[in-house]
Amino acid sequence: MFNNMKSLLLLLLATVATQAKEDRSYVYEVRVWTQPNYQGMYHDFNEKVPYLSSYNLDNAISSIKVKGVWLFYADPEYNTYVTSLVHWAWGLNYKENLHAIDDQISSLRYAGSQSNCNEAGYNLYEGEMFTKKDLYQTNDIPDLSQFHQDVKSVIIIGQSSWTFCEQANYNGRCVCLSAELHDSDYLSRLDVGFYQRISDLYLYNVKSVRKGCY
């Protein structure tokens, strides 16, 4: 009797866990259309997509509607191997007809957290213009070398400032970055800062990051 009850309990727990996984809610989402003015076939995404060809949408997107911060790339894998067009869109309910990158998008991804719309954090990108490998963090990092992450561009999200330093343990030349763009409605708020090339800030390397300005 005890073994049967134990088996039933394990089955119920597994079912609940499966339903929780399937019912996962997403903070950021994007709807893409195959024609301008939000017409034609559409698809909703809430995950990073390195190959839009997997959805038969490679070079087929003409208009978008976003919640959060979304990046669109003209080549697969977020322009990891080529220097090509990048487009970004952000907001709590932002719609746009694409022009410069119309019918040229091959991959897309979001910046920030899928659990908190305006979580105080930062995305580090291995390439300029938010390309190549990325790393999202919300904590101080005294030595970034543990992540094997080069930094050429940065996106800040949330209402906190962050100090980026060229040497470990917050030494060397440092620059304080914060969100410069803001959107809000009666439910949510979104603060974003786009730094396409840290070299424009005379910062040529990042080895440590900490919250606040110093």
C-alpha atoms as a PDB file:
ATOM      1  CA  MET A   1       0.000   0.000   0.000  1.00  0.00           C
ATOM      2  CA  PHE A   2       2.796   2.385   0.968  1.00  0.00           C
ATOM      3  CA  ASN A   3       4.700   1.668  -2.253  1.00  0.00           C
ATOM      4  CA  ASN A   4       1.582   2.356  -4.335  1.00  0.00           C
ATOM      5  CA  MET A   5       1.010   5.693  -2.588  1.00  0.00           C
ATOM      6  CA  LYS A   6       4.668   6.606  -3.047  1.00  0.00           C
ATOM      7  CA  SER A   7       4.488   5.793  -6.759  1.00  0.00           C
ATOM      8  CA  LEU A   8       1.305   7.858  -7.109  1.00  0.00           C
ATOM      9  CA  LEU A   9       2.927  10.816  -5.340  1.00  0.00           C
ATOM     10  CA  LEU A  10       5.994  10.662  -7.598  1.00  0.00           C
ATOM     11  CA  LEU A  11       3.730  10.548 -10.650  1.00  0.00           C
ATOM     12  CA  LEU A  12       1.802  13.606  -9.439  1.00  0.00           C
ATOM     13  CA  LEU A  13       5.025  15.526  -8.773  1.00  0.00           C
ATOM     14  CA  ALA A  14       6.348  14.673 -12.220  1.00  0.00           C
ATOM     15  CA  THR A  15       3.078  15.828 -13.797  1.00  0.00           C
ATOM     16  CA  VAL A  16       3.170  19.133 -11.914  1.00  0.00           C
ATOM     17  CA  ALA A  17       6.798  19.689 -12.902  1.00  0.00           C
ATOM     18  CA  THR A  18       5.993  18.986 -16.555  1.00  0.00           C
ATOM     19  CA  GLN A  19       3.022  21.357 -16.504  1.00  0.00           C
ATOM     20  CA  ALA A  20       5.104  24.070 -14.842  1.00  0.00           C
ATOM     21  CA  LYS A  21       7.705  23.718 -17.577  1.00  0.00           C
ATOM     22  CA  GLU A  22       5.064  23.830 -20.300  1.00  0.00           C
ATOM     23  CA  ASP A  23       3.245  26.769 -18.665  1.00  0.00           C
ATOM     24  CA  ARG A  24       6.400  28.847 -18.244  1.00  0.00           C
ATOM     25  CA  SER A  25       5.640  32.510 -18.746  1.00  0.00           C
ATOM     26  CA  TYR A  26       7.992  34.776 -20.671  1.00  0.00           C
ATOM     27  CA  VAL A  27       8.594  38.456 -20.008  1.00  0.00           C
ATOM     28  CA  TYR A  28      10.081  39.295 -23.414  1.00  0.00           C
ATOM     29  CA  GLU A  29       8.471  38.352 -26.701  1.00  0.00           C
ATOM     30  CA  VAL A  30       8.529  39.344 -30.342  1.00  0.00           C
ATOM     31  CA  ARG A  31       6.023  38.795 -33.140  1.00  0.00           C
ATOM     32  CA  VAL A  32       7.422  38.861 -36.661  1.00  0.00           C
ATOM     33  CA  TRP A  33       5.464  39.204 -39.911  1.00  0.00           C
ATOM     34  CA  THR A  34       6.497  38.256 -43.413  1.00  0.00           C
ATOM     35  CA  GLN A  35       4.992  41.405 -44.938  1.00  0.00           C
ATOM     36  CA  PRO A  36       5.105  45.128 -44.105  1.00  0.00           C
ATOM     37  CA  ASN A  37       2.405  46.757 -41.983  1.00  0.00           C
ATOM     38  CA  TYR A  38       2.023  43.627 -39.832  1.00  0.00           C
ATOM     39  CA  GLN A  39       0.521  41.536 -42.595  1.00  0.00           C
ATOM     40  CA  GLY A  40       1.174  38.068 -43.963  1.00  0.00           C
ATOM     41  CA  MET A  41       2.249  35.054 -41.973  1.00  0.00           C
ATOM     42  CA  TYR A  42       3.478  35.687 -38.436  1.00  0.00           C
ATOM     43  CA  HIS A  43       5.336  33.860 -35.701  1.00  0.00           C
ATOM     44  CA  ASP A  44       5.862  34.586 -31.995  1.00  0.00           C
ATOM     45  CA  PHE A  45       9.278  34.078 -30.398  1.00  0.00           C
ATOM     46  CA  ASN A  46      10.351  34.238 -26.776  1.00  0.00           C
ATOM     47  CA  GLU A  47      13.692  32.445 -27.051  1.00  0.00           C
ATOM     48  CA  LYS A  48      16.944  33.094 -28.835  1.00  0.00           C
ATOM     49  CA  VAL A  49      16.935  31.812 -32.428  1.00  0.00           C
ATOM     50  CA  PRO A  50      20.368  31.324 -34.046  1.00  0.00           C
ATOM     51  CA  TYR A  51      18.822  29.955 -37.269  1.00  0.00           C
ATOM     52  CA  LEU A  52      15.538  31.397 -38.502  1.00  0.00           C
ATOM     53  CA  SER A  53      15.758  28.927 -41.361  1.00  0.00           C
ATOM     54  CA  SER A  54      14.512  26.350 -38.824  1.00  0.00           C
ATOM     55  CA  TYR A  55      11.157  28.194 -38.955  1.00  0.00           C
ATOM     56  CA  ASN A  56      11.205  28.884 -42.700  1.00  0.00           C
ATOM     57  CA  LEU A  57      11.694  32.563 -41.867  1.00  0.00           C
ATOM     58  CA  ASP A  58      15.229  33.147 -43.074  1.00  0.00           C
ATOM     59  CA  ASN A  59      15.320  36.481 -44.968  1.00  0.00           C
ATOM     60  CA  ALA A  60      11.526  36.668 -44.722  1.00  0.00           C
ATOM     61  CA  ILE A  61      10.720  39.166 -41.937  1.00  0.00           C
ATOM     62  CA  SER A  62       9.354  42.608 -42.857  1.00  0.00           C
ATOM     63  CA  SER A  63       7.650  43.944 -39.713  1.00  0.00           C
ATOM     64  CA  ILE A  64       7.853  43.313 -35.979  1.00  0.00           C
ATOM     65  CA  LYS A  65       6.207  43.931 -32.623  1.00  0.00           C
ATOM     66  CA  VAL A  66       8.399  43.638 -29.530  1.00  0.00           C
ATOM     67  CA  LYS A  67       8.159  43.611 -25.783  1.00  0.00           C
ATOM     68  CA  GLY A  68      11.572  43.981 -24.194  1.00  0.00           C
ATOM     69  CA  VAL A  69      14.888  44.351 -25.971  1.00  0.00           C
ATOM     70  CA  TRP A  70      15.383  42.381 -29.196  1.00  0.00           C
ATOM     71  CA  LEU A  71      18.296  42.155 -31.623  1.00  0.00           C
ATOM     72  CA  PHE A  72      17.990  41.126 -35.274  1.00  0.00           C
ATOM     73  CA  TYR A  73      20.918  39.935 -37.394  1.00  0.00           C
ATOM     74  CA  ALA A  74      21.410  39.624 -41.128  1.00  0.00           C
ATOM     75  CA  ASP A  75      23.352  36.367 -40.711  1.00  0.00           C
ATOM     76  CA  PRO A  76      22.874  33.191 -38.649  1.00  0.00           C
ATOM     77  CA  GLU A  77      24.360  32.807 -35.178  1.00  0.00           C
ATOM     78  CA  TYR A  78      24.130  36.513 -34.456  1.00  0.00           C
ATOM     79  CA  ASN A  79      26.703  37.533 -37.082  1.00  0.00           C
ATOM     80  CA  THR A  80      29.374  35.480 -35.329  1.00  0.00           C
ATOM     81  CA  TYR A  81      31.464  34.881 -38.433  1.00  0.00           C
ATOM     82  CA  VAL A  82      30.784  37.948 -40.581  1.00  0.00           C
ATOM     83  CA  THR A  83      30.367  41.684 -40.237  1.00  0.00           C
ATOM     84  CA  SER A  84      26.851  42.386 -41.359  1.00  0.00           C
ATOM     85  CA  LEU A  85      23.717  44.379 -40.597  1.00  0.00           C
ATOM     86  CA  VAL A  86      22.312  44.441 -37.058  1.00  0.00           C
ATOM     87  CA  HIS A  87      19.024  46.008 -36.008  1.00  0.00           C
ATOM     88  CA  TRP A  88      17.667  46.435 -32.501  1.00  0.00           C
ATOM     89  CA  ALA A  89      14.199  47.286 -31.250  1.00  0.00           C
ATOM     90  CA  TRP A  90      12.968  47.852 -27.729  1.00  0.00           C
ATOM     91  CA  GLY A  91       9.891  48.893 -25.783  1.00  0.00           C
ATOM     92  CA  LEU A  92       6.926  47.534 -23.887  1.00  0.00           C
ATOM     93  CA  ASN A  93       4.683  47.476 -26.955  1.00  0.00           C
ATOM     94  CA  TYR A  94       6.750  48.643 -29.909  1.00  0.00           C
ATOM     95  CA  LYS A  95       5.830  48.029 -33.561  1.00  0.00           C
ATOM     96  CA  GLU A  96       7.996  48.732 -36.572  1.00  0.00           C
ATOM     97  CA  ASN A  97       8.203  48.214 -40.302  1.00  0.00           C
ATOM     98  CA  LEU A  98      11.737  47.142 -41.069  1.00  0.00           C
ATOM     99  CA  HIS A  99      13.537  49.059 -43.798  1.00  0.00           C
ATOM    100  CA  ALA A 100      17.309  48.789 -43.708  1.00  0.00           C
ATOM    101  CA  ILE A 101      17.136  45.097 -42.798  1.00  0.00           C
ATOM    102  CA  ASP A 102      13.827  44.171 -44.498  1.00  0.00           C
ATOM    103  CA  ASP A 103      13.847  40.527 -45.653  1.00  0.00           C
ATOM    104  CA  GLN A 104      17.437  40.139 -44.453  1.00  0.00           C
ATOM    105  CA  ILE A 105      17.082  38.721 -40.941  1.00  0.00           C
ATOM    106  CA  SER A 106      18.598  35.293 -40.286  1.00  0.00           C
ATOM    107  CA  SER A 107      18.816  35.185 -36.472  1.00  0.00           C
ATOM    108  CA  LEU A 108      17.411  37.012 -33.441  1.00  0.00           C
ATOM    109  CA  ARG A 109      17.728  37.130 -29.675  1.00  0.00           C
ATOM    110  CA  TYR A 110      16.720  39.195 -26.658  1.00  0.00           C
ATOM    111  CA  ALA A 111      18.853  41.059 -24.103  1.00  0.00           C
ATOM    112  CA  GLY A 112      18.095  40.950 -20.397  1.00  0.00           C
ATOM    113  CA  SER A 113      16.114  38.530 -18.262  1.00  0.00           C
ATOM    114  CA  GLN A 114      13.090  36.441 -19.221  1.00  0.00           C
ATOM    115  CA  SER A 115      11.916  36.440 -15.599  1.00  0.00           C
ATOM    116  CA  ASN A 116      11.980  40.183 -14.827  1.00  0.00           C
ATOM    117  CA  CYS A 117      11.259  42.824 -17.468  1.00  0.00           C
ATOM    118  CA  ASN A 118      13.455  45.545 -15.975  1.00  0.00           C
ATOM    119  CA  GLU A 119      15.887  43.514 -13.916  1.00  0.00           C
ATOM    120  CA  ALA A 120      19.045  45.490 -13.153  1.00  0.00           C
ATOM    121  CA  GLY A 121      21.681  43.789 -15.270  1.00  0.00           C
ATOM    122  CA  TYR A 122      23.900  43.971 -18.312  1.00  0.00           C
ATOM    123  CA  ASN A 123      24.654  42.022 -21.478  1.00  0.00           C
ATOM    124  CA  LEU A 124      28.265  41.773 -22.621  1.00  0.00           C
ATOM    125  CA  TYR A 125      28.964  41.033 -26.295  1.00  0.00           C
ATOM    126  CA  GLU A 126      32.075  39.546 -27.814  1.00  0.00           C
ATOM    127  CA  GLY A 127      31.631  41.621 -30.976  1.00  0.00           C
ATOM    128  CA  GLU A 128      30.827  45.235 -31.708  1.00  0.00           C
ATOM    129  CA  MET A 129      27.192  46.112 -32.410  1.00  0.00           C
ATOM    130  CA  PHE A 130      25.997  43.365 -30.005  1.00  0.00           C
ATOM    131  CA  THR A 131      27.248  40.481 -32.140  1.00  0.00           C
ATOM    132  CA  LYS A 132      28.839  37.088 -31.475  1.00  0.00           C
ATOM    133  CA  LYS A 133      28.770  35.446 -28.030  1.00  0.00           C
ATOM    134  CA  ASP A 134      26.877  37.198 -25.223  1.00  0.00           C
ATOM    135  CA  LEU A 135      26.837  37.007 -21.443  1.00  0.00           C
ATOM    136  CA  TYR A 136      24.048  38.299 -19.185  1.00  0.00           C
ATOM    137  CA  GLN A 137      24.838  39.085 -15.554  1.00  0.00           C
ATOM    138  CA  THR A 138      23.258  40.895 -12.592  1.00  0.00           C
ATOM    139  CA  ASN A 139      26.155  40.757 -10.136  1.00  0.00           C
ATOM    140  CA  ASP A 140      29.587  42.254  -9.621  1.00  0.00           C
ATOM    141  CA  ILE A 141      32.379  40.405 -11.431  1.00  0.00           C
ATOM    142  CA  PRO A 142      35.880  41.069 -10.028  1.00  0.00           C
ATOM    143  CA  ASP A 143      37.587  38.992 -12.713  1.00  0.00           C
ATOM    144  CA  LEU A 144      35.797  38.459 -16.001  1.00  0.00           C
ATOM    145  CA  SER A 145      38.491  36.113 -17.320  1.00  0.00           C
ATOM    146  CA  GLN A 146      36.687  33.227 -15.581  1.00  0.00           C
ATOM    147  CA  PHE A 147      33.971  33.549 -18.239  1.00  0.00           C
ATOM    148  CA  HIS A 148      36.429  33.666 -21.167  1.00  0.00           C
ATOM    149  CA  GLN A 149      34.403  36.590 -22.475  1.00  0.00           C
ATOM    150  CA  ASP A 150      35.838  39.358 -24.609  1.00  0.00           C
ATOM    151  CA  VAL A 151      33.775  42.565 -24.487  1.00  0.00           C
ATOM    152  CA  LYS A 152      33.314  44.889 -27.448  1.00  0.00           C
ATOM    153  CA  SER A 153      29.771  46.190 -26.790  1.00  0.00           C
ATOM    154  CA  VAL A 154      27.323  46.415 -23.878  1.00  0.00           C
ATOM    155  CA  ILE A 155      23.590  46.701 -23.236  1.00  0.00           C
ATOM    156  CA  ILE A 156      22.428  47.984 -19.851  1.00  0.00           C
ATOM    157  CA  ILE A 157      18.924  47.165 -18.589  1.00  0.00           C
ATOM    158  CA  GLY A 158      17.227  48.470 -15.461  1.00  0.00           C
ATOM    159  CA  GLN A 159      17.659  51.487 -13.228  1.00  0.00           C
ATOM    160  CA  SER A 160      21.150  50.733 -11.911  1.00  0.00           C
ATOM    161  CA  SER A 161      24.452  52.090 -13.156  1.00  0.00           C
ATOM    162  CA  TRP A 162      27.442  49.788 -13.673  1.00  0.00           C
ATOM    163  CA  THR A 163      31.171  50.479 -13.666  1.00  0.00           C
ATOM    164  CA  PHE A 164      33.277  48.648 -16.271  1.00  0.00           C
ATOM    165  CA  CYS A 165      37.044  48.470 -15.732  1.00  0.00           C
ATOM    166  CA  GLU A 166      39.908  47.447 -18.016  1.00  0.00           C
ATOM    167  CA  GLN A 167      41.659  45.453 -15.302  1.00  0.00           C
ATOM    168  CA  ALA A 168      40.556  42.833 -12.790  1.00  0.00           C
ATOM    169  CA  ASN A 169      39.410  43.843  -9.296  1.00  0.00           C
ATOM    170  CA  TYR A 170      38.059  47.166 -10.597  1.00  0.00           C
ATOM    171  CA  ASN A 171      41.452  48.630 -11.465  1.00  0.00           C
ATOM    172  CA  GLY A 172      42.738  50.519 -14.479  1.00  0.00           C
ATOM    173  CA  ARG A 173      40.600  52.824 -16.567  1.00  0.00           C
ATOM    174  CA  CYS A 174      36.903  52.558 -15.627  1.00  0.00           C
ATOM    175  CA  VAL A 175      33.710  53.898 -17.195  1.00  0.00           C
ATOM    176  CA  CYS A 176      30.263  54.135 -15.607  1.00  0.00           C
ATOM    177  CA  LEU A 177      27.353  53.183 -17.882  1.00  0.00           C
ATOM    178  CA  SER A 178      23.607  53.374 -17.325  1.00  0.00           C
ATOM    179  CA  ALA A 179      20.321  53.208 -19.205  1.00  0.00           C
ATOM    180  CA  GLU A 180      19.623  56.262 -21.362  1.00  0.00           C
ATOM    181  CA  LEU A 181      16.264  55.253 -22.867  1.00  0.00           C
ATOM    182  CA  HIS A 182      13.037  54.720 -20.949  1.00  0.00           C
ATOM    183  CA  ASP A 183       9.556  53.349 -21.569  1.00  0.00           C
ATOM    184  CA  SER A 184       6.682  52.710 -19.167  1.00  0.00           C
ATOM    185  CA  ASP A 185       2.992  51.930 -18.970  1.00  0.00           C
ATOM    186  CA  TYR A 186       0.587  51.389 -16.091  1.00  0.00           C
ATOM    187  CA  LEU A 187       2.045  47.923 -15.432  1.00  0.00           C
ATOM    188  CA  SER A 188       5.708  47.929 -16.384  1.00  0.00           C
ATOM    189  CA  ARG A 189       8.847  49.982 -16.896  1.00  0.00           C
ATOM    190  CA  LEU A 190      11.829  49.398 -19.169  1.00  0.00           C
ATOM    191  CA  ASP A 191      15.173  51.226 -19.027  1.00  0.00           C
ATOM    192  CA  VAL A 192      17.820  50.492 -21.668  1.00  0.00           C
ATOM    193  CA  GLY A 193      21.274  51.705 -22.618  1.00  0.00           C
ATOM    194  CA  PHE A 194      22.909  50.680 -25.908  1.00  0.00           C
ATOM    195  CA  TYR A 195      26.693  50.954 -26.175  1.00  0.00           C
ATOM    196  CA  GLN A 196      27.559  49.721 -29.651  1.00  0.00           C
ATOM    197  CA  ARG A 197      31.354  50.043 -29.320  1.00  0.00           C
ATOM    198  CA  ILE A 198      33.077  50.404 -25.976  1.00  0.00           C
ATOM    199  CA  SER A 199      36.073  51.733 -27.895  1.00  0.00           C
ATOM    200  CA  ASP A 200      34.003  54.887 -28.482  1.00  0.00           C
ATOM    201  CA  LEU A 201      34.250  55.371 -24.708  1.00  0.00           C
ATOM    202  CA  TYR A 202      38.061  54.901 -24.848  1.00  0.00           C
ATOM    203  CA  LEU A 203      37.587  51.587 -23.109  1.00  0.00           C
ATOM    204  CA  TYR A 204      39.386  48.835 -25.020  1.00  0.00           C
ATOM    205  CA  ASN A 205      38.952  45.896 -22.681  1.00  0.00           C
ATOM    206  CA  VAL A 206      36.721  44.845 -19.779  1.00  0.00           C
ATOM    207  CA  LYS A 207      38.029  42.627 -17.014  1.00  0.00           C
ATOM    208  CA  SER A 208      35.761  43.565 -14.102  1.00  0.00           C
ATOM    209  CA  VAL A 209      32.275  44.993 -13.512  1.00  0.00           C
ATOM    210  CA  ARG A 210      30.547  46.289 -10.399  1.00  0.00           C
ATOM    211  CA  LYS A 211      27.231  47.908  -9.576  1.00  0.00           C
ATOM    212  CA  GLY A 212      27.122  51.670  -9.160  1.00  0.00           C
ATOM    213  CA  CYS A 213      29.423  54.485 -10.264  1.00  0.00           C
ATOM    214  CA  TYR A 214      32.915  54.827  -8.744  1.00  0.00           C
END
